[in-house]
Amino acid sequence: MQYTVRSIKKKFVRCVKEVSDTPWLYTKNPEKDFTRNRKLTFEKMISLILCIRGGSLTNELLDCFKFNPDTPTTSAFVQQRLKILPKAFESVFHKLNNTFPLQKKYKGYNLIAVDGSDLHIPTDINDKETYFPGRNGQKPYNLLHLNAAYDLCNNRFIDAIVQKSKNEHKAFVDMVDRLDISKTIFIADRNYESYNNMAHVQEKDYKFLIRIKDINSTGIASGLSLPDKDEFDLPLHLLLTRQKSRERESCSTDKIRYKVLSNSSPFDYLPKRSNKAITITPYELFTRIVRFKISDDSYEMVITNLTEDEFSSDEIKALYALRWGIETSFRDLKYTVGLLYFHTKKVECIIQEIFAQLTMYNFTQMIVATVSIQQKKRTHSYKVNFSAAAHICRQYLRINIPPPEVEALILKHIVPIRPHRNQRRQMTTKTVVSFMYRIA
């Protein structure tokens, strides 16, 4: 189904309205909160937080109320937002996703990349769950961890979990278990190297493609007898168990391997402890390990349950390269949409803004998908400037810009696509953007 700029905004507003129609589900004191007739109603508060940018609260409120002398104060805004539970914005996020089914696919599959990103939040020494004292003279700081599932074909976040204590494996399992779409490939980097993660994907009848640590390491590959070659493509039928047995080890062949998991290794489909008196059927995991070259002197290794009939080793390499889309989405989410600029110190209110910005990112990508760029005879192909599009779409929600003008504005701001450009990734320490340093 082809959507238009007008229909996307209409459905977006409807999602906000559906949540706003039941405020008692999303407030701390349902019998009291938002029961009086105030300027900042529940629906108005949801809309304001969804459209908030990186400026100070005073300036954001002035913009939203068009510099009306009766603009509510920042104090009134803060008091009202404290009444709202974060799940209100999480509900808007999921309702919008459910309203627009995923349309674009890769060989009939939905490509879902899973990754996490740390979010530096205002320092609060009293919040022990997010507080880090710092080392070697480093200033103390607070962190939240955003775990996200991102559709690489439709450029959209389809799920997210915010954690105070980082546990990417648990977040991965939770997102896999609650996903309800058919024919999906989960793509992840080596932070998600785990038999338990693979088993959860297999149990949902999905596919996985996970980068693992190389042979000379302490990862999964180190416990398997793999070919002594630079590149290989090896199918493996793994039998996972917690019970050690010499007979089982002697039954291992080139294509069937027993793998004994320690009692400390999390695996939800076997008892936590082995019992010699009771024989437990090993868990079968059908995998394939592919090692391929990425530069003159470096290689990567991935594990997958995609068959060679569907995807050759070259296609596996190309498929894993698409995972980089979630990395660039985090960059756009933070630096373009504005996830670095929080307007509160309270964690529950920060989570409100996280899901609000995820929703705005998705809304912008949905609008961008409706715009067709005419590729003329140029040196490069062109794409929409996402930074300009995000600003236009936010203003489209705030004021009544005619949809044709929205399309024209987005088409006016395009940038060339320059493939195969690469630059060494700069890993630098990030800090939270202080309330004192906001744009005017």
Protein backbone atom coordinates (compact mmCIF):
# COMPACT_ATOMS: atom_id res chain seq x y z
CA MET A 1 0.00 0.00 0.00
CA GLN A 2 1.32 3.45 -0.96
CA TYR A 3 0.95 6.05 1.78
CA THR A 4 0.91 9.82 1.36
CA VAL A 5 2.29 12.61 3.54
CA ARG A 6 -1.27 13.54 4.54
CA SER A 7 -2.31 9.98 5.43
CA ILE A 8 0.83 9.37 7.51
CA LYS A 9 0.24 12.48 9.60
CA LYS A 10 -3.44 11.59 9.99
CA LYS A 11 -2.57 8.11 11.28
CA PHE A 12 0.15 9.53 13.54
CA VAL A 13 -2.31 11.96 15.14
CA ARG A 14 -4.79 9.11 15.56
CA CYS A 15 -2.18 7.04 17.46
CA VAL A 16 -1.59 9.96 19.82
CA LYS A 17 -5.35 10.39 20.22
CA GLU A 18 -5.86 6.70 21.06
CA VAL A 19 -3.36 6.94 23.91
CA SER A 20 -4.75 10.32 25.05
CA ASP A 21 -8.30 8.95 25.20
CA THR A 22 -7.29 6.65 28.07
CA PRO A 23 -5.07 8.82 30.32
CA TRP A 24 -5.84 6.71 33.38
CA LEU A 25 -3.73 3.90 31.86
CA TYR A 26 -0.66 6.09 31.63
CA THR A 27 -0.65 8.29 34.72
CA LYS A 28 0.73 7.74 38.21
CA ASN A 29 -2.50 8.70 40.00
CA PRO A 30 -5.34 7.83 37.58
CA GLU A 31 -8.07 9.14 39.87
CA LYS A 32 -6.44 12.55 40.20
CA ASP A 33 -3.99 13.32 37.37
CA PHE A 34 -5.29 15.32 34.38
CA THR A 35 -8.85 15.38 35.72
CA ARG A 36 -9.00 19.18 35.88
CA ASN A 37 -9.35 21.42 32.86
CA ARG A 38 -5.88 22.88 32.34
CA LYS A 39 -3.96 24.49 29.48
CA LEU A 40 -1.53 21.56 29.41
CA THR A 41 -3.89 18.65 28.90
CA PHE A 42 -2.72 15.04 28.67
CA GLU A 43 -2.94 15.06 24.87
CA LYS A 44 -1.13 18.40 24.66
CA MET A 45 1.67 17.10 26.88
CA ILE A 46 2.14 14.00 24.70
CA SER A 47 2.28 16.16 21.57
CA LEU A 48 4.71 18.65 23.13
CA ILE A 49 7.18 15.99 24.27
CA LEU A 50 6.98 14.23 20.89
CA CYS A 51 7.90 17.45 19.08
CA ILE A 52 10.51 18.73 21.51
CA ARG A 53 13.92 19.63 20.05
CA GLY A 54 17.35 20.45 21.49
CA GLY A 55 16.65 23.93 22.81
CA SER A 56 15.88 24.97 26.35
CA LEU A 57 12.41 24.21 27.71
CA THR A 58 11.53 27.90 27.73
CA ASN A 59 12.33 28.29 24.04
CA GLU A 60 10.60 25.01 23.12
CA LEU A 61 7.38 26.10 24.83
CA LEU A 62 7.52 29.53 23.17
CA ASP A 63 7.88 27.87 19.76
CA CYS A 64 5.07 25.39 20.38
CA PHE A 65 2.65 28.09 21.59
CA LYS A 66 3.71 30.51 18.81
CA PHE A 67 5.04 33.12 21.28
CA ASN A 68 1.65 33.64 22.86
CA PRO A 69 1.89 35.72 26.10
CA ASP A 70 -0.18 32.99 27.78
CA THR A 71 2.47 30.33 27.08
CA PRO A 72 2.71 27.93 30.07
CA THR A 73 5.79 28.22 32.26
CA THR A 74 8.51 25.57 32.39
CA SER A 75 7.45 24.86 35.98
CA ALA A 76 3.90 24.03 34.86
CA PHE A 77 5.27 21.81 32.08
CA VAL A 78 7.57 19.89 34.46
CA GLN A 79 4.79 19.36 37.00
CA GLN A 80 2.49 17.95 34.33
CA ARG A 81 5.08 15.64 32.75
CA LEU A 82 5.90 14.08 36.12
CA LYS A 83 2.37 12.70 36.20
CA ILE A 84 2.86 10.73 32.96
CA LEU A 85 4.30 7.20 32.89
CA PRO A 86 6.96 6.43 30.24
CA LYS A 87 4.76 3.67 28.83
CA ALA A 88 2.50 6.36 27.31
CA PHE A 89 5.22 7.19 24.78
CA GLU A 90 6.14 3.55 24.38
CA SER A 91 2.51 2.90 23.44
CA VAL A 92 2.53 5.67 20.82
CA PHE A 93 5.76 4.21 19.42
CA HIS A 94 4.28 0.71 19.08
CA LYS A 95 0.89 1.91 17.83
CA LEU A 96 2.56 3.84 15.02
CA ASN A 97 4.59 0.78 14.02
CA ASN A 98 1.52 -1.45 14.08
CA THR A 99 -0.39 1.06 11.93
CA PHE A 100 2.21 0.83 9.14
CA PRO A 101 3.12 -2.79 8.32
CA LEU A 102 6.66 -3.46 7.08
CA GLN A 103 6.49 -3.50 3.28
CA LYS A 104 10.03 -3.69 1.90
CA LYS A 105 11.81 -7.03 2.24
CA TYR A 106 15.08 -8.67 1.23
CA LYS A 107 14.49 -11.88 -0.73
CA GLY A 108 11.18 -12.23 1.10
CA TYR A 109 12.76 -11.71 4.54
CA ASN A 110 12.45 -8.89 7.05
CA LEU A 111 15.98 -7.82 8.00
CA ILE A 112 16.12 -6.86 11.67
CA ALA A 113 19.42 -5.58 13.08
CA VAL A 114 19.78 -5.59 16.86
CA ASP A 115 22.28 -3.42 18.68
CA GLY A 116 22.67 -1.22 21.73
CA SER A 117 23.94 2.27 22.47
CA ASP A 118 24.87 4.03 25.70
CA LEU A 119 23.10 7.27 26.49
CA HIS A 120 24.84 9.76 28.78
CA ILE A 121 22.27 11.38 31.02
CA PRO A 122 22.63 14.21 33.57
CA THR A 123 24.86 13.20 36.48
CA ASP A 124 22.97 12.16 39.60
CA ILE A 125 25.02 10.54 42.37
CA ASN A 126 21.83 9.45 44.13
CA ASP A 127 20.76 7.16 41.25
CA LYS A 128 22.96 4.18 42.06
CA GLU A 129 21.57 2.05 39.22
CA THR A 130 22.88 4.36 36.50
CA TYR A 131 25.80 6.04 38.31
CA PHE A 132 29.46 5.37 37.41
CA PRO A 133 32.17 7.01 39.57
CA GLY A 134 34.70 7.28 36.73
CA ARG A 135 38.29 6.05 36.67
CA ASN A 136 41.76 7.53 36.32
CA GLY A 137 40.63 11.08 36.96
CA GLN A 138 37.51 10.78 34.80
CA LYS A 139 34.48 12.71 36.00
CA PRO A 140 31.55 10.64 37.36
CA TYR A 141 28.66 10.07 34.99
CA ASN A 142 25.28 8.33 34.59
CA LEU A 143 24.31 6.01 31.76
CA LEU A 144 21.20 4.41 30.33
CA HIS A 145 21.49 1.70 27.70
CA LEU A 146 19.20 1.72 24.68
CA ASN A 147 18.65 -1.67 23.03
CA ALA A 148 16.95 -1.44 19.65
CA ALA A 149 15.66 -3.64 16.86
CA TYR A 150 15.90 -1.84 13.52
CA ASP A 151 14.36 -2.84 10.19
CA LEU A 152 17.11 -2.34 7.61
CA CYS A 153 14.81 -2.38 4.58
CA ASN A 154 12.21 0.06 5.89
CA ASN A 155 14.64 2.21 7.93
CA ARG A 156 12.54 2.03 11.06
CA PHE A 157 12.98 1.11 14.72
CA ILE A 158 10.48 -1.66 15.41
CA ASP A 159 11.25 -2.30 19.08
CA ALA A 160 13.34 -0.85 21.90
CA ILE A 161 14.19 -1.61 25.51
CA VAL A 162 15.82 0.92 27.84
CA GLN A 163 17.94 -0.54 30.64
CA LYS A 164 19.55 0.97 33.69
CA SER A 165 21.92 -1.99 34.04
CA LYS A 166 23.25 -3.08 30.66
CA ASN A 167 22.27 -6.63 29.67
CA GLU A 168 22.17 -6.86 25.88
CA HIS A 169 21.59 -10.62 25.80
CA LYS A 170 18.41 -10.37 27.89
CA ALA A 171 17.17 -7.46 25.78
CA PHE A 172 17.84 -9.43 22.58
CA VAL A 173 15.90 -12.44 23.86
CA ASP A 174 12.97 -10.26 25.02
CA MET A 175 12.72 -8.49 21.65
CA VAL A 176 12.93 -11.77 19.71
CA ASP A 177 10.27 -13.44 21.89
CA ARG A 178 7.74 -10.63 21.52
CA LEU A 179 8.22 -10.04 17.80
CA ASP A 180 5.22 -11.19 15.77
CA ILE A 181 6.14 -11.02 12.08
CA SER A 182 6.94 -13.85 9.68
CA LYS A 183 10.17 -14.64 7.81
CA THR A 184 12.74 -12.60 9.67
CA ILE A 185 16.53 -12.59 9.78
CA PHE A 186 18.11 -11.18 12.94
CA ILE A 187 21.52 -9.63 12.29
CA ALA A 188 23.83 -8.74 15.17
CA ASP A 189 27.49 -8.12 15.94
CA ARG A 190 29.68 -10.19 18.24
CA ASN A 191 28.26 -8.64 21.43
CA TYR A 192 25.33 -11.02 20.86
CA GLU A 193 27.41 -14.18 20.42
CA SER A 194 25.43 -16.65 22.51
CA TYR A 195 23.88 -20.10 22.02
CA ASN A 196 20.88 -18.94 24.05
CA ASN A 197 20.24 -16.04 21.67
CA MET A 198 20.43 -18.36 18.66
CA ALA A 199 18.10 -20.88 20.27
CA HIS A 200 15.45 -18.22 20.96
CA VAL A 201 15.57 -17.17 17.30
CA GLN A 202 15.35 -20.79 16.14
CA GLU A 203 12.38 -21.49 18.45
CA LYS A 204 10.46 -18.64 16.80
CA ASP A 205 11.26 -20.19 13.39
CA TYR A 206 13.33 -17.12 12.48
CA LYS A 207 16.84 -16.90 11.06
CA PHE A 208 19.95 -15.42 12.65
CA LEU A 209 23.22 -14.02 11.33
CA ILE A 210 25.59 -13.15 14.16
CA ARG A 211 29.21 -12.16 13.98
CA ILE A 212 31.39 -14.23 16.34
CA LYS A 213 34.92 -13.85 17.65
CA ASP A 214 37.61 -15.28 15.42
CA ILE A 215 39.32 -18.64 15.89
CA ASN A 216 42.15 -17.48 18.18
CA SER A 217 39.86 -16.11 20.86
CA THR A 218 37.64 -17.18 23.75
CA GLY A 219 34.36 -17.21 21.83
CA ILE A 220 32.22 -19.96 20.34
CA ALA A 221 34.76 -20.68 17.60
CA SER A 222 37.48 -21.60 20.09
CA GLY A 223 35.44 -24.58 21.29
CA LEU A 224 34.89 -26.02 17.82
CA SER A 225 37.24 -27.86 15.50
CA LEU A 226 37.19 -25.60 12.46
CA PRO A 227 39.13 -25.84 9.16
CA ASP A 228 42.65 -24.42 9.16
CA LYS A 229 41.88 -22.09 6.27
CA ASP A 230 41.58 -18.34 5.78
CA GLU A 231 38.09 -18.67 4.31
CA PHE A 232 35.56 -21.45 4.71
CA ASP A 233 31.83 -22.22 4.77
CA LEU A 234 31.04 -25.06 7.17
CA PRO A 235 27.58 -26.44 8.08
CA LEU A 236 27.37 -27.63 11.69
CA HIS A 237 24.67 -29.60 13.49
CA LEU A 238 25.28 -28.76 17.17
CA LEU A 239 23.93 -30.82 20.07
CA LEU A 240 23.99 -28.69 23.21
CA THR A 241 24.01 -30.34 26.63
CA ARG A 242 25.14 -29.77 30.21
CA GLN A 243 26.06 -33.42 30.74
CA LYS A 244 29.61 -34.54 30.01
CA SER A 245 29.96 -37.94 28.35
CA ARG A 246 32.95 -39.53 26.66
CA GLU A 247 30.63 -41.62 24.51
CA ARG A 248 28.98 -38.47 23.16
CA GLU A 249 32.30 -36.83 22.46
CA SER A 250 33.46 -39.89 20.54
CA CYS A 251 30.25 -39.75 18.44
CA SER A 252 31.08 -36.28 17.15
CA THR A 253 31.67 -36.13 13.42
CA ASP A 254 32.64 -33.40 11.00
CA LYS A 255 29.03 -32.24 10.74
CA ILE A 256 27.64 -33.21 14.15
CA ARG A 257 29.26 -31.76 17.26
CA TYR A 258 28.41 -32.12 20.93
CA LYS A 259 28.89 -28.92 22.90
CA VAL A 260 28.87 -29.13 26.70
CA LEU A 261 27.60 -25.93 28.33
CA SER A 262 28.73 -25.03 31.82
CA ASN A 263 26.18 -24.53 34.58
CA SER A 264 26.97 -20.82 34.56
CA SER A 265 26.18 -20.45 30.84
CA PRO A 266 22.61 -19.16 30.41
CA PHE A 267 20.51 -21.43 28.21
CA ASP A 268 16.74 -21.41 28.60
CA TYR A 269 16.06 -24.73 26.90
CA LEU A 270 18.14 -26.96 29.19
CA PRO A 271 18.04 -27.41 32.99
CA LYS A 272 20.37 -25.01 34.79
CA ARG A 273 22.28 -27.89 36.34
CA SER A 274 23.16 -31.31 34.99
CA ASN A 275 21.90 -34.41 36.76
CA LYS A 276 23.75 -37.67 36.13
CA ALA A 277 20.73 -39.70 37.24
CA ILE A 278 18.49 -38.15 34.58
CA THR A 279 19.31 -38.21 30.89
CA ILE A 280 18.40 -34.91 29.24
CA THR A 281 17.92 -34.84 25.49
CA PRO A 282 20.49 -32.46 23.94
CA TYR A 283 19.19 -29.32 22.30
CA GLU A 284 19.67 -29.36 18.52
CA LEU A 285 20.96 -26.19 16.91
CA PHE A 286 21.38 -26.16 13.14
CA THR A 287 24.09 -23.70 12.21
CA ARG A 288 26.63 -22.76 9.60
CA ILE A 289 29.91 -20.95 10.19
CA VAL A 290 31.26 -18.71 7.44
CA ARG A 291 34.65 -16.98 7.48
CA PHE A 292 35.33 -14.40 4.79
CA LYS A 293 37.88 -11.75 3.91
CA ILE A 294 37.07 -8.08 4.45
CA SER A 295 40.44 -6.50 3.68
CA ASP A 296 43.96 -7.51 2.68
CA ASP A 297 44.86 -8.79 6.13
CA SER A 298 41.62 -9.13 8.10
CA TYR A 299 38.75 -11.61 8.23
CA GLU A 300 35.36 -11.87 9.88
CA MET A 301 33.46 -14.94 11.00
CA VAL A 302 29.70 -15.27 11.34
CA ILE A 303 27.35 -18.00 12.49
CA THR A 304 23.94 -18.43 10.90
CA ASN A 305 21.13 -20.89 10.27
CA LEU A 306 20.60 -19.66 6.71
CA THR A 307 21.21 -22.50 4.27
CA GLU A 308 23.70 -22.39 1.44
CA ASP A 309 20.84 -23.04 -1.00
CA GLU A 310 19.32 -19.67 -0.07
CA PHE A 311 22.44 -17.60 0.59
CA SER A 312 25.94 -18.30 -0.68
CA SER A 313 28.98 -17.24 1.35
CA ASP A 314 29.31 -14.08 -0.78
CA GLU A 315 25.65 -13.25 -0.12
CA ILE A 316 26.17 -13.84 3.61
CA LYS A 317 29.04 -11.34 3.53
CA ALA A 318 26.88 -8.76 1.73
CA LEU A 319 23.97 -9.42 4.08
CA TYR A 320 26.06 -8.86 7.20
CA ALA A 321 27.41 -5.61 5.72
CA LEU A 322 23.84 -4.26 5.72
CA ARG A 323 23.94 -4.35 9.54
CA TRP A 324 25.79 -1.03 9.44
CA GLY A 325 22.40 0.59 8.85
CA ILE A 326 21.59 0.41 12.56
CA GLU A 327 24.87 2.18 13.40
CA THR A 328 24.01 5.12 11.13
CA SER A 329 20.47 5.15 12.54
CA PHE A 330 21.86 5.65 16.06
CA ARG A 331 23.95 8.55 14.73
CA ASP A 332 20.88 10.18 13.15
CA LEU A 333 18.79 9.48 16.24
CA LYS A 334 21.30 11.19 18.53
CA TYR A 335 22.74 14.01 16.48
CA THR A 336 19.91 14.81 14.04
CA VAL A 337 16.66 13.99 15.84
CA GLY A 338 18.15 15.18 19.13
CA LEU A 339 18.41 12.25 21.53
CA LEU A 340 21.52 13.81 23.11
CA TYR A 341 19.54 16.79 24.41
CA PHE A 342 17.53 15.78 27.44
CA HIS A 343 15.35 18.28 29.31
CA THR A 344 15.24 16.58 32.70
CA LYS A 345 17.37 14.74 35.24
CA LYS A 346 14.72 12.21 36.22
CA VAL A 347 15.21 8.82 34.55
CA GLU A 348 11.49 8.17 34.00
CA CYS A 349 11.18 11.49 32.15
CA ILE A 350 14.32 10.74 30.12
CA ILE A 351 12.71 7.47 29.02
CA GLN A 352 9.69 9.52 27.89
CA GLU A 353 11.99 11.51 25.61
CA ILE A 354 13.81 8.40 24.33
CA PHE A 355 10.61 6.84 23.03
CA ALA A 356 9.39 10.22 21.79
CA GLN A 357 12.55 10.63 19.68
CA LEU A 358 12.34 7.04 18.41
CA THR A 359 8.78 7.80 17.31
CA MET A 360 9.83 11.01 15.59
CA TYR A 361 12.65 9.19 13.80
CA ASN A 362 10.16 6.62 12.48
CA PHE A 363 7.67 9.32 11.48
CA THR A 364 10.38 11.14 9.50
CA GLN A 365 11.48 7.96 7.72
CA MET A 366 7.86 7.18 6.81
CA ILE A 367 7.44 10.64 5.31
CA VAL A 368 10.77 10.38 3.46
CA ALA A 369 9.71 7.02 1.99
CA THR A 370 6.77 8.71 0.22
CA VAL A 371 9.05 11.17 -1.60
CA SER A 372 10.39 10.03 -4.95
CA ILE A 373 13.62 11.67 -6.14
CA GLN A 374 14.00 11.97 -9.89
CA GLN A 375 17.50 10.71 -10.65
CA LYS A 376 18.85 12.87 -13.44
CA LYS A 377 22.07 12.45 -15.41
CA ARG A 378 24.48 13.37 -12.64
CA THR A 379 27.78 12.09 -11.33
CA HIS A 380 26.03 10.64 -8.27
CA SER A 381 22.62 9.36 -7.30
CA TYR A 382 20.87 11.45 -4.68
CA LYS A 383 18.96 10.83 -1.47
CA VAL A 384 16.97 12.97 0.96
CA ASN A 385 18.95 15.01 3.48
CA PHE A 386 17.67 13.35 6.65
CA SER A 387 18.68 16.28 8.86
CA ALA A 388 16.56 18.72 6.87
CA ALA A 389 13.72 16.20 6.57
CA ALA A 390 13.61 15.66 10.36
CA HIS A 391 13.25 19.41 10.95
CA ILE A 392 10.57 19.75 8.25
CA CYS A 393 8.57 16.81 9.60
CA ARG A 394 8.69 18.15 13.15
CA GLN A 395 7.38 21.50 11.95
CA TYR A 396 4.74 19.68 9.88
CA LEU A 397 3.34 18.28 13.14
CA ARG A 398 3.55 21.62 14.93
CA ILE A 399 1.95 23.82 12.28
CA ASN A 400 -0.38 23.22 9.35
CA ILE A 401 2.04 23.11 6.42
CA PRO A 402 0.21 21.88 3.29
CA PRO A 403 1.41 18.34 2.38
CA PRO A 404 2.51 19.38 -1.17
CA GLU A 405 4.79 21.98 0.39
CA VAL A 406 6.24 19.38 2.76
CA GLU A 407 7.12 17.17 -0.22
CA ALA A 408 8.57 20.12 -2.14
CA LEU A 409 10.71 21.18 0.84
CA ILE A 410 12.06 17.68 1.34
CA LEU A 411 12.86 17.31 -2.36
CA LYS A 412 14.68 20.63 -2.30
CA HIS A 413 17.14 19.30 0.28
CA ILE A 414 18.91 16.28 -1.18
CA VAL A 415 22.51 15.07 -0.91
CA PRO A 416 24.65 12.86 -3.17
CA ILE A 417 25.19 9.18 -2.39
CA ARG A 418 28.90 8.41 -2.37
CA PRO A 419 29.34 4.64 -2.01
CA HIS A 420 32.49 2.87 -0.79
CA ARG A 421 33.62 5.85 1.25
CA ASN A 422 35.11 4.85 4.56
CA GLN A 423 36.79 6.58 7.43
CA ARG A 424 38.42 5.24 10.53
CA ARG A 425 35.89 5.19 13.35
CA GLN A 426 36.76 7.69 16.05
CA MET A 427 36.07 6.19 19.47
CA THR A 428 35.92 9.15 21.83
CA THR A 429 34.47 9.64 25.28
CA LYS A 430 31.01 11.20 25.14
CA THR A 431 29.49 13.43 27.79
CA VAL A 432 25.97 14.62 28.41
CA VAL A 433 25.01 18.00 26.93
CA SER A 434 24.50 20.34 29.87
CA PHE A 435 21.25 22.27 30.36
CA MET A 436 23.41 25.42 30.33
CA TYR A 437 24.52 24.88 26.74
CA ARG A 438 21.47 24.82 24.52
CA ILE A 439 20.75 26.57 21.26
CA ALA A 440 18.91 29.88 21.53
